[in-house]
C-alpha atoms as a PDB file:
ATOM      1  CA  MET A   1     -13.369 -39.794 -74.431  1.00  0.00           C
ATOM      2  CA  LYS A   2     -12.901 -37.698 -71.298  1.00  0.00           C
ATOM      3  CA  ARG A   3     -11.334 -34.325 -72.046  1.00  0.00           C
ATOM      4  CA  THR A   4      -9.006 -32.663 -69.564  1.00  0.00           C
ATOM      5  CA  PRO A   5      -9.631 -28.925 -69.518  1.00  0.00           C
ATOM      6  CA  PRO A   6      -6.638 -26.617 -69.851  1.00  0.00           C
ATOM      7  CA  LYS A   7      -5.202 -25.575 -66.499  1.00  0.00           C
ATOM      8  CA  GLY A   8      -7.431 -22.991 -64.851  1.00  0.00           C
ATOM      9  CA  GLU A   9     -10.349 -23.662 -67.191  1.00  0.00           C
ATOM     10  CA  SER A  10     -13.623 -25.128 -66.046  1.00  0.00           C
ATOM     11  CA  TYR A  11     -16.534 -26.314 -68.130  1.00  0.00           C
ATOM     12  CA  TYR A  12     -19.212 -26.027 -65.455  1.00  0.00           C
ATOM     13  CA  ASP A  13     -20.646 -23.302 -63.270  1.00  0.00           C
ATOM     14  CA  LEU A  14     -21.524 -24.065 -59.646  1.00  0.00           C
ATOM     15  CA  LEU A  15     -24.628 -21.895 -59.772  1.00  0.00           C
ATOM     16  CA  ASP A  16     -26.025 -22.555 -63.224  1.00  0.00           C
ATOM     17  CA  ASP A  17     -25.187 -26.255 -63.200  1.00  0.00           C
ATOM     18  CA  TYR A  18     -26.077 -27.064 -59.596  1.00  0.00           C
ATOM     19  CA  ASP A  19     -28.988 -29.287 -60.633  1.00  0.00           C
ATOM     20  CA  LEU A  20     -26.555 -31.282 -62.781  1.00  0.00           C
ATOM     21  CA  ILE A  21     -24.116 -31.456 -59.867  1.00  0.00           C
ATOM     22  CA  GLU A  22     -26.849 -32.757 -57.557  1.00  0.00           C
ATOM     23  CA  SER A  23     -28.009 -35.409 -60.000  1.00  0.00           C
ATOM     24  CA  SER A  24     -24.421 -36.423 -60.759  1.00  0.00           C
ATOM     25  CA  PHE A  25     -23.585 -36.863 -57.073  1.00  0.00           C
ATOM     26  CA  LEU A  26     -26.667 -39.035 -56.693  1.00  0.00           C
ATOM     27  CA  LYS A  27     -25.862 -41.146 -59.746  1.00  0.00           C
ATOM     28  CA  GLN A  28     -22.150 -41.591 -59.101  1.00  0.00           C
ATOM     29  CA  TYR A  29     -21.923 -41.612 -55.308  1.00  0.00           C
ATOM     30  CA  GLY A  30     -25.481 -42.238 -54.132  1.00  0.00           C
ATOM     31  CA  ILE A  31     -25.299 -38.946 -52.201  1.00  0.00           C
ATOM     32  CA  ARG A  32     -28.294 -36.612 -51.976  1.00  0.00           C
ATOM     33  CA  LEU A  33     -26.622 -33.239 -51.473  1.00  0.00           C
ATOM     34  CA  ARG A  34     -29.811 -31.584 -50.192  1.00  0.00           C
ATOM     35  CA  THR A  35     -29.908 -33.927 -47.224  1.00  0.00           C
ATOM     36  CA  GLU A  36     -26.153 -34.335 -46.648  1.00  0.00           C
ATOM     37  CA  ASN A  37     -25.108 -32.812 -43.316  1.00  0.00           C
ATOM     38  CA  ASP A  38     -21.701 -34.350 -42.637  1.00  0.00           C
ATOM     39  CA  MET A  39     -19.723 -33.540 -45.796  1.00  0.00           C
ATOM     40  CA  SER A  40     -16.908 -31.022 -45.528  1.00  0.00           C
ATOM     41  CA  TYR A  41     -16.439 -28.429 -48.255  1.00  0.00           C
ATOM     42  CA  GLN A  42     -13.075 -29.989 -49.098  1.00  0.00           C
ATOM     43  CA  GLU A  43     -14.735 -33.381 -49.581  1.00  0.00           C
ATOM     44  CA  PHE A  44     -17.467 -31.781 -51.731  1.00  0.00           C
ATOM     45  CA  CYS A  45     -14.791 -30.234 -53.977  1.00  0.00           C
ATOM     46  CA  THR A  46     -12.854 -33.497 -54.183  1.00  0.00           C
ATOM     47  CA  LEU A  47     -15.944 -35.483 -55.132  1.00  0.00           C
ATOM     48  CA  LEU A  48     -17.001 -32.824 -57.644  1.00  0.00           C
ATOM     49  CA  SER A  49     -13.609 -32.995 -59.349  1.00  0.00           C
ATOM     50  CA  GLY A  50     -14.057 -36.763 -59.722  1.00  0.00           C
ATOM     51  CA  ILE A  51     -17.391 -36.643 -61.538  1.00  0.00           C
ATOM     52  CA  MET A  52     -17.277 -39.143 -64.411  1.00  0.00           C
ATOM     53  CA  PRO A  53     -18.392 -38.587 -68.030  1.00  0.00           C
ATOM     54  CA  ASP A  54     -21.409 -40.902 -67.685  1.00  0.00           C
ATOM     55  CA  THR A  55     -23.134 -38.524 -65.237  1.00  0.00           C
ATOM     56  CA  PRO A  56     -25.412 -35.629 -66.233  1.00  0.00           C
ATOM     57  CA  LEU A  57     -22.703 -33.048 -65.457  1.00  0.00           C
ATOM     58  CA  GLY A  58     -20.036 -35.172 -67.125  1.00  0.00           C
ATOM     59  CA  GLN A  59     -22.054 -35.386 -70.334  1.00  0.00           C
ATOM     60  CA  ILE A  60     -22.563 -31.606 -70.480  1.00  0.00           C
ATOM     61  CA  VAL A  61     -18.897 -30.939 -69.688  1.00  0.00           C
ATOM     62  CA  SER A  62     -17.869 -33.321 -72.492  1.00  0.00           C
ATOM     63  CA  ILE A  63     -20.014 -31.374 -74.953  1.00  0.00           C
ATOM     64  CA  ARG A  64     -18.744 -27.986 -73.781  1.00  0.00           C
ATOM     65  CA  ALA A  65     -15.084 -29.056 -73.851  1.00  0.00           C
ATOM     66  CA  GLU A  66     -15.092 -30.794 -77.228  1.00  0.00           C
ATOM     67  CA  ASN A  67     -12.754 -29.275 -79.812  1.00  0.00           C
ATOM     68  CA  ASP A  68     -12.142 -32.194 -82.190  1.00  0.00           C
ATOM     69  CA  LYS A  69     -13.518 -31.092 -85.571  1.00  0.00           C
ATOM     70  CA  GLU A  70     -14.382 -34.655 -86.567  1.00  0.00           C
ATOM     71  CA  VAL A  71     -16.414 -35.161 -83.388  1.00  0.00           C
ATOM     72  CA  LEU A  72     -18.052 -31.739 -83.750  1.00  0.00           C
ATOM     73  CA  LYS A  73     -19.234 -32.659 -87.268  1.00  0.00           C
ATOM     74  CA  HIS A  74     -21.423 -35.352 -85.742  1.00  0.00           C
ATOM     75  CA  PHE A  75     -22.920 -33.270 -82.926  1.00  0.00           C
ATOM     76  CA  THR A  76     -26.694 -33.121 -82.793  1.00  0.00           C
ATOM     77  CA  PRO A  77     -28.387 -29.712 -82.961  1.00  0.00           C
ATOM     78  CA  GLU A  78     -28.912 -29.899 -79.179  1.00  0.00           C
ATOM     79  CA  GLN A  79     -25.225 -30.611 -78.543  1.00  0.00           C
ATOM     80  CA  ARG A  80     -24.279 -27.701 -80.818  1.00  0.00           C
ATOM     81  CA  ARG A  81     -26.651 -25.422 -78.903  1.00  0.00           C
ATOM     82  CA  ILE A  82     -25.208 -26.471 -75.524  1.00  0.00           C
ATOM     83  CA  ARG A  83     -21.624 -25.908 -76.704  1.00  0.00           C
ATOM     84  CA  ALA A  84     -22.418 -22.583 -78.409  1.00  0.00           C
ATOM     85  CA  GLU A  85     -24.241 -21.192 -75.363  1.00  0.00           C
ATOM     86  CA  TRP A  86     -21.313 -22.096 -73.107  1.00  0.00           C
ATOM     87  CA  ARG A  87     -18.718 -20.601 -75.451  1.00  0.00           C
ATOM     88  CA  ASN A  88     -20.759 -17.411 -75.913  1.00  0.00           C
ATOM     89  CA  ARG A  89     -21.139 -16.997 -72.161  1.00  0.00           C
ATOM     90  CA  LYS A  90     -17.420 -17.555 -71.572  1.00  0.00           C
ATOM     91  CA  TYR A  91     -16.517 -15.152 -74.391  1.00  0.00           C
ATOM     92  CA  LYS A  92     -18.770 -12.416 -72.973  1.00  0.00           C
ATOM     93  CA  ASN A  93     -17.330 -12.828 -69.465  1.00  0.00           C
ATOM     94  CA  LYS A  94     -13.748 -12.857 -70.752  1.00  0.00           C
ATOM     95  CA  ASN A  95     -14.192  -9.689 -72.809  1.00  0.00           C
ATOM     96  CA  SER A  96     -16.174  -7.667 -70.293  1.00  0.00           C
ATOM     97  CA  GLY A  97     -12.995  -6.530 -68.498  1.00  0.00           C
ATOM     98  CA  GLN A  98     -14.605  -6.866 -65.093  1.00  0.00           C
ATOM     99  CA  PRO A  99     -15.746  -9.712 -62.862  1.00  0.00           C
ATOM    100  CA  SER A 100     -19.159 -10.927 -63.925  1.00  0.00           C
ATOM    101  CA  ALA A 101     -22.144 -10.883 -61.616  1.00  0.00           C
ATOM    102  CA  GLY A 102     -22.094 -14.661 -61.968  1.00  0.00           C
ATOM    103  CA  ASN A 103     -18.496 -14.792 -60.759  1.00  0.00           C
ATOM    104  CA  ASN A 104     -19.363 -12.681 -57.726  1.00  0.00           C
ATOM    105  CA  MET A 105     -22.359 -14.924 -57.030  1.00  0.00           C
ATOM    106  CA  LEU A 106     -20.126 -17.976 -57.412  1.00  0.00           C
ATOM    107  CA  LEU A 107     -17.687 -16.657 -54.827  1.00  0.00           C
ATOM    108  CA  SER A 108     -20.587 -16.014 -52.487  1.00  0.00           C
ATOM    109  CA  LEU A 109     -21.986 -19.508 -53.063  1.00  0.00           C
ATOM    110  CA  GLN A 110     -18.581 -21.069 -52.462  1.00  0.00           C
ATOM    111  CA  GLY A 111     -18.409 -19.300 -49.109  1.00  0.00           C
ATOM    112  CA  ARG A 112     -21.902 -20.466 -48.156  1.00  0.00           C
ATOM    113  CA  LEU A 113     -21.164 -24.051 -49.227  1.00  0.00           C
ATOM    114  CA  LYS A 114     -17.938 -24.009 -47.277  1.00  0.00           C
ATOM    115  CA  ASP A 115     -19.818 -22.832 -44.191  1.00  0.00           C
ATOM    116  CA  ALA A 116     -22.630 -25.347 -44.672  1.00  0.00           C
ATOM    117  CA  PHE A 117     -20.386 -28.358 -45.281  1.00  0.00           C
ATOM    118  CA  SER A 118     -17.827 -27.403 -42.617  1.00  0.00           C
ATOM    119  CA  ARG A 119     -20.248 -27.523 -39.685  1.00  0.00           C
ATOM    120  CA  LYS A 120     -19.845 -30.538 -37.483  1.00  0.00           C
END
């Protein structure tokens, strides 16, 4: 079942999960991001938001977003590890009181992606 994250919440990180994003774009759309020269940043964001659960990123997001206790009971040790690492990272960032280095890097990456995909 595909989970819809609460408004403003994301279950992926553009930097840390970029390999999953690349493989998901290839699987779902047949697009190799490393060689794509004509995609706008807006199109990249639109396609990213449409990634389906049967892709590598979609599978990880499903694990990270799961909150159903019955489903969680049946998680494998690897799924539990993936979910726990994500929750611990989010908890640390939320309680630090300041923007994380990762958040600053993400903003920088977003700017670079926008520049790269906006060139015509």
